[in-house]
Amino acid sequence: MPGPYPQEFREDVVAVARRRESGVTIKQIATDFGISEATLQNWLRQADVEEGNRPGQTAADAAEARELKKRIR
C-alpha cells in the first residue's frame, strides 16, 4: 500500500475540487491528480469536518484520543 499523501497535496486537491467549474466531476479531478475518486471524497468530507461544516471527529480530537488510550494502557 502506498504511503500517505502529504497534507499540502491534500489541501491543494481539495481546494481545486471545491473551485471546480460546473460540468467538471470529482472523478475527473481525482484522475487528473492520480488518486481515486473515493480518496478525494474522503478528503472533502474530512475537510468539512475540520472546518466545522459537518459533524465528526477532527484530526486534533483523534490525536488526543490516541494519546489518552496510550496513557490508559
C-alpha atoms as a PDB file:
ATOM      1  CA  MET A   1       0.000   0.000   0.000  1.00  0.00           C
ATOM      2  CA  PRO A   2       1.411   3.429  -0.883  1.00  0.00           C
ATOM      3  CA  GLY A   3       2.315   5.853   1.869  1.00  0.00           C
ATOM      4  CA  PRO A   4       0.035   8.709   2.836  1.00  0.00           C
ATOM      5  CA  TYR A   5      -0.115  11.773   0.647  1.00  0.00           C
ATOM      6  CA  PRO A   6       1.451  14.965   2.043  1.00  0.00           C
ATOM      7  CA  GLN A   7      -1.001  17.308   3.795  1.00  0.00           C
ATOM      8  CA  GLU A   8      -0.169  20.164   1.408  1.00  0.00           C
ATOM      9  CA  PHE A   9      -1.068  17.968  -1.581  1.00  0.00           C
ATOM     10  CA  ARG A  10      -4.374  17.004   0.050  1.00  0.00           C
ATOM     11  CA  GLU A  11      -5.231  20.640   0.741  1.00  0.00           C
ATOM     12  CA  ASP A  12      -4.409  21.637  -2.844  1.00  0.00           C
ATOM     13  CA  VAL A  13      -6.575  18.882  -4.328  1.00  0.00           C
ATOM     14  CA  VAL A  14      -9.487  19.744  -2.010  1.00  0.00           C
ATOM     15  CA  ALA A  15      -9.191  23.415  -2.978  1.00  0.00           C
ATOM     16  CA  VAL A  16      -9.257  22.551  -6.684  1.00  0.00           C
ATOM     17  CA  ALA A  17     -12.264  20.263  -6.175  1.00  0.00           C
ATOM     18  CA  ARG A  18     -14.180  22.985  -4.343  1.00  0.00           C
ATOM     19  CA  ARG A  19     -13.419  25.607  -7.008  1.00  0.00           C
ATOM     20  CA  ARG A  20     -14.265  23.345  -9.926  1.00  0.00           C
ATOM     21  CA  GLU A  21     -16.359  24.683 -12.763  1.00  0.00           C
ATOM     22  CA  SER A  22     -19.783  23.307 -13.481  1.00  0.00           C
ATOM     23  CA  GLY A  23     -19.578  20.190 -15.580  1.00  0.00           C
ATOM     24  CA  VAL A  24     -16.279  19.057 -14.055  1.00  0.00           C
ATOM     25  CA  THR A  25     -16.765  15.961 -11.929  1.00  0.00           C
ATOM     26  CA  ILE A  26     -14.985  14.816  -8.798  1.00  0.00           C
ATOM     27  CA  LYS A  27     -13.892  11.755 -10.745  1.00  0.00           C
ATOM     28  CA  GLN A  28     -12.180  13.914 -13.390  1.00  0.00           C
ATOM     29  CA  ILE A  29     -10.301  15.903 -10.754  1.00  0.00           C
ATOM     30  CA  ALA A  30      -9.242  12.719  -8.946  1.00  0.00           C
ATOM     31  CA  THR A  31      -7.997  11.206 -12.194  1.00  0.00           C
ATOM     32  CA  ASP A  32      -6.064  14.365 -13.041  1.00  0.00           C
ATOM     33  CA  PHE A  33      -4.246  14.183  -9.699  1.00  0.00           C
ATOM     34  CA  GLY A  34      -3.697  10.408  -9.856  1.00  0.00           C
ATOM     35  CA  ILE A  35      -5.877   9.491  -6.877  1.00  0.00           C
ATOM     36  CA  SER A  36      -9.084   7.523  -6.588  1.00  0.00           C
ATOM     37  CA  GLU A  37     -12.476   9.181  -6.526  1.00  0.00           C
ATOM     38  CA  ALA A  38     -13.185   7.639  -3.105  1.00  0.00           C
ATOM     39  CA  THR A  39      -9.971   9.128  -1.720  1.00  0.00           C
ATOM     40  CA  LEU A  40     -10.949  12.595  -2.887  1.00  0.00           C
ATOM     41  CA  GLN A  41     -14.449  12.207  -1.465  1.00  0.00           C
ATOM     42  CA  ASN A  42     -12.935  11.203   1.895  1.00  0.00           C
ATOM     43  CA  TRP A  43     -10.630  14.240   1.837  1.00  0.00           C
ATOM     44  CA  LEU A  44     -13.551  16.549   1.047  1.00  0.00           C
ATOM     45  CA  ARG A  45     -15.623  15.027   3.856  1.00  0.00           C
ATOM     46  CA  GLN A  46     -12.759  15.369   6.366  1.00  0.00           C
ATOM     47  CA  ALA A  47     -12.110  18.969   5.271  1.00  0.00           C
ATOM     48  CA  ASP A  48     -15.762  19.756   6.008  1.00  0.00           C
ATOM     49  CA  VAL A  49     -15.392  18.215   9.483  1.00  0.00           C
ATOM     50  CA  GLU A  50     -12.199  20.185  10.163  1.00  0.00           C
ATOM     51  CA  GLU A  51     -13.916  23.429   9.119  1.00  0.00           C
ATOM     52  CA  GLY A  52     -16.956  22.719  11.291  1.00  0.00           C
ATOM     53  CA  ASN A  53     -19.351  22.396   8.362  1.00  0.00           C
ATOM     54  CA  ARG A  54     -20.108  18.763   9.150  1.00  0.00           C
ATOM     55  CA  PRO A  55     -20.261  16.791  12.394  1.00  0.00           C
ATOM     56  CA  GLY A  56     -17.449  14.353  13.071  1.00  0.00           C
ATOM     57  CA  GLN A  57     -14.091  13.840  14.735  1.00  0.00           C
ATOM     58  CA  THR A  58     -11.373  16.330  13.841  1.00  0.00           C
ATOM     59  CA  ALA A  59      -7.747  15.313  13.465  1.00  0.00           C
ATOM     60  CA  ALA A  60      -6.918  17.051  16.744  1.00  0.00           C
ATOM     61  CA  ASP A  61      -9.660  15.112  18.556  1.00  0.00           C
ATOM     62  CA  ALA A  62      -8.419  11.841  17.066  1.00  0.00           C
ATOM     63  CA  ALA A  63      -4.835  12.563  18.142  1.00  0.00           C
ATOM     64  CA  GLU A  64      -5.991  13.374  21.655  1.00  0.00           C
ATOM     65  CA  ALA A  65      -7.992  10.149  21.842  1.00  0.00           C
ATOM     66  CA  ARG A  66      -4.929   8.148  20.728  1.00  0.00           C
ATOM     67  CA  GLU A  67      -2.795   9.763  23.413  1.00  0.00           C
ATOM     68  CA  LEU A  68      -5.379   9.064  26.110  1.00  0.00           C
ATOM     69  CA  LYS A  69      -5.619   5.413  25.076  1.00  0.00           C
ATOM     70  CA  LYS A  70      -1.821   5.115  25.285  1.00  0.00           C
ATOM     71  CA  ARG A  71      -1.856   6.533  28.821  1.00  0.00           C
ATOM     72  CA  ILE A  72      -4.563   4.119  29.897  1.00  0.00           C
ATOM     73  CA  ARG A  73      -2.554   1.140  28.638  1.00  0.00           C
END
